[in-house]
Amino acid sequence: MFHIPARVRLHQPLGVLLFGTLVVGQLLSSAYAKDTASNAFDGYWTYHNNCHFGHYAEIKLTQKNTDVTGDWSNGTRLRGSDGSLKGRIRGNKLFVRYCGGDEHSGYAVCPTYETEESDYLVRQRSDLAWYRGERQRDRENL
């Protein structure tokens, strides 16, 4: 399987969708309260590069209070996976569980979700930072 960094940052600036390098940061709790009320995780987030086999990651999220649902896809020009996710916002982080579109995704097949949260997402200004969990990185390196 292809290598995915432990942390990636998805962008959504003014309709132009880009991906960049993660800059670690924290949102203040007051900013969290404002962001949660304004659906900070809502939207379509994407990453794309053309190096080697290329890599893409897309996440479409719908937020209702502290509950979030959505769809994801992740892959290269050769192969990829997709599925759904659901999660809950705690603090300034969205903790998610995944299900995959088929048995090759590395997750339980939809509509059955993982039993535990594996990753979390954090808003950082106009970016969405995606922190990959240890279990998922171990699974990808096999």
Protein backbone atom coordinates (compact mmCIF):
# COMPACT_ATOMS: atom_id res chain seq x y z
CA MET A 1 0.00 0.00 0.00
CA PHE A 2 1.13 3.60 -0.53
CA HIS A 3 2.69 5.69 2.23
CA ILE A 4 0.54 8.34 3.88
CA PRO A 5 2.18 10.75 6.31
CA ALA A 6 1.05 10.66 9.93
CA ARG A 7 -0.29 14.20 9.57
CA VAL A 8 -1.68 15.95 6.54
CA ARG A 9 -3.33 19.32 6.11
CA LEU A 10 -6.31 19.73 3.83
CA HIS A 11 -7.16 23.24 2.61
CA GLN A 12 -10.36 24.97 1.61
CA PRO A 13 -9.33 28.59 0.86
CA LEU A 14 -11.85 30.63 -1.17
CA GLY A 15 -12.86 27.80 -3.47
CA VAL A 16 -9.29 26.86 -4.39
CA LEU A 17 -8.51 23.47 -2.90
CA LEU A 18 -4.88 22.88 -1.98
CA PHE A 19 -2.82 20.71 0.33
CA GLY A 20 0.19 21.73 2.35
CA THR A 21 2.55 20.79 5.10
CA LEU A 22 1.19 20.52 8.60
CA VAL A 23 2.03 23.25 11.05
CA VAL A 24 1.23 22.12 14.57
CA GLY A 25 -0.96 24.53 16.49
CA GLN A 26 -3.78 24.78 18.97
CA LEU A 27 -7.08 26.61 18.76
CA LEU A 28 -8.17 28.52 21.85
CA SER A 29 -11.23 27.17 23.63
CA SER A 30 -13.13 30.38 22.83
CA ALA A 31 -12.32 29.88 19.14
CA TYR A 32 -13.53 26.29 19.46
CA ALA A 33 -16.90 27.39 20.82
CA LYS A 34 -17.31 29.86 17.95
CA ASP A 35 -16.16 27.32 15.34
CA THR A 36 -18.48 24.58 16.62
CA ALA A 37 -21.43 26.95 16.42
CA SER A 38 -20.49 27.94 12.87
CA ASN A 39 -19.96 24.37 11.64
CA ALA A 40 -16.17 24.62 11.43
CA PHE A 41 -15.77 21.13 9.94
CA ASP A 42 -18.51 21.41 7.29
CA GLY A 43 -17.31 21.30 3.71
CA TYR A 44 -15.34 19.56 1.01
CA TRP A 45 -11.61 19.16 1.73
CA THR A 46 -9.03 17.82 -0.70
CA TYR A 47 -5.34 17.13 -1.25
CA HIS A 48 -3.62 16.34 -4.54
CA ASN A 49 -0.02 15.95 -5.70
CA ASN A 50 1.57 14.67 -8.90
CA CYS A 51 4.78 13.18 -7.48
CA HIS A 52 5.61 9.55 -8.33
CA PHE A 53 2.20 7.82 -8.60
CA GLY A 54 0.40 10.90 -7.34
CA HIS A 55 -1.72 10.99 -4.24
CA TYR A 56 -5.16 12.32 -3.47
CA ALA A 57 -7.27 12.55 -0.35
CA GLU A 58 -10.79 13.92 -0.22
CA ILE A 59 -13.15 14.34 2.71
CA LYS A 60 -16.68 15.73 2.54
CA LEU A 61 -18.06 16.57 5.99
CA THR A 62 -21.50 17.55 7.28
CA GLN A 63 -21.63 18.89 10.83
CA LYS A 64 -24.69 19.01 13.07
CA ASN A 65 -23.72 20.48 16.47
CA THR A 66 -20.90 18.21 17.72
CA ASP A 67 -21.79 15.24 15.46
CA VAL A 68 -20.17 14.95 12.03
CA THR A 69 -20.77 12.52 9.16
CA GLY A 70 -19.16 12.33 5.77
CA ASP A 71 -17.45 10.49 2.95
CA TRP A 72 -13.74 9.98 2.29
CA SER A 73 -11.49 8.76 -0.50
CA ASN A 74 -7.74 8.26 -0.50
CA GLY A 75 -5.44 6.85 -3.15
CA THR A 76 -3.02 7.17 -6.05
CA ARG A 77 -3.33 6.96 -9.84
CA LEU A 78 -2.97 3.17 -9.45
CA ARG A 79 -5.40 2.38 -6.66
CA GLY A 80 -7.36 3.82 -3.79
CA SER A 81 -10.09 3.35 -1.24
CA ASP A 82 -13.22 5.15 -0.20
CA GLY A 83 -16.00 4.95 2.33
CA SER A 84 -17.82 6.90 5.00
CA LEU A 85 -16.92 8.35 8.36
CA LYS A 86 -18.67 9.57 11.46
CA GLY A 87 -17.34 11.36 14.46
CA ARG A 88 -17.80 13.69 17.37
CA ILE A 89 -16.14 16.98 18.23
CA ARG A 90 -14.41 17.06 21.61
CA GLY A 91 -12.47 20.20 22.43
CA ASN A 92 -11.12 21.47 19.12
CA LYS A 93 -10.71 17.97 17.63
CA LEU A 94 -13.05 15.87 15.51
CA PHE A 95 -12.47 12.21 16.41
CA VAL A 96 -13.58 9.87 13.61
CA ARG A 97 -14.39 6.24 12.88
CA TYR A 98 -14.37 4.90 9.33
CA CYS A 99 -16.03 2.28 7.21
CA GLY A 100 -14.82 1.30 3.76
CA GLY A 101 -16.50 0.77 0.42
CA ASP A 102 -15.10 -2.77 0.17
CA GLU A 103 -12.95 -5.29 2.03
CA HIS A 104 -9.74 -3.84 0.52
CA SER A 105 -10.12 -0.45 2.23
CA GLY A 106 -8.50 -1.54 5.51
CA TYR A 107 -11.67 -0.74 7.47
CA ALA A 108 -14.90 -2.51 8.33
CA VAL A 109 -17.16 -2.61 5.26
CA CYS A 110 -19.94 0.02 5.32
CA PRO A 111 -22.38 0.37 6.97
CA THR A 112 -20.38 -1.21 9.85
CA TYR A 113 -17.91 1.30 11.33
CA GLU A 114 -14.68 0.76 13.25
CA THR A 115 -15.35 0.09 16.92
CA GLU A 116 -12.83 2.72 18.05
CA GLU A 117 -11.87 6.16 16.81
CA SER A 118 -8.64 5.93 14.81
CA ASP A 119 -7.88 9.47 13.58
CA TYR A 120 -8.74 13.04 14.43
CA LEU A 121 -9.13 16.25 12.46
CA VAL A 122 -8.38 19.79 13.65
CA ARG A 123 -9.25 23.13 12.04
CA GLN A 124 -6.24 25.41 11.76
CA ARG A 125 -7.41 28.71 10.29
CA SER A 126 -8.57 27.87 6.74
CA ASP A 127 -6.96 24.40 6.88
CA LEU A 128 -8.11 21.02 8.11
CA ALA A 129 -5.26 19.02 9.68
CA TRP A 130 -5.75 15.24 9.48
CA TYR A 131 -3.85 13.32 12.16
CA ARG A 132 -3.55 9.64 11.28
CA GLY A 133 -3.77 7.25 14.25
CA GLU A 134 -1.05 4.75 15.17
CA ARG A 135 -3.22 1.73 14.28
CA GLN A 136 -3.87 3.05 10.78
CA ARG A 137 -0.20 3.82 10.11
CA ASP A 138 0.77 0.33 11.29
CA ARG A 139 -1.87 -1.21 8.99
CA GLU A 140 -0.57 0.77 5.98
CA ASN A 141 3.05 -0.23 6.59
CA LEU A 142 2.31 -3.96 6.48
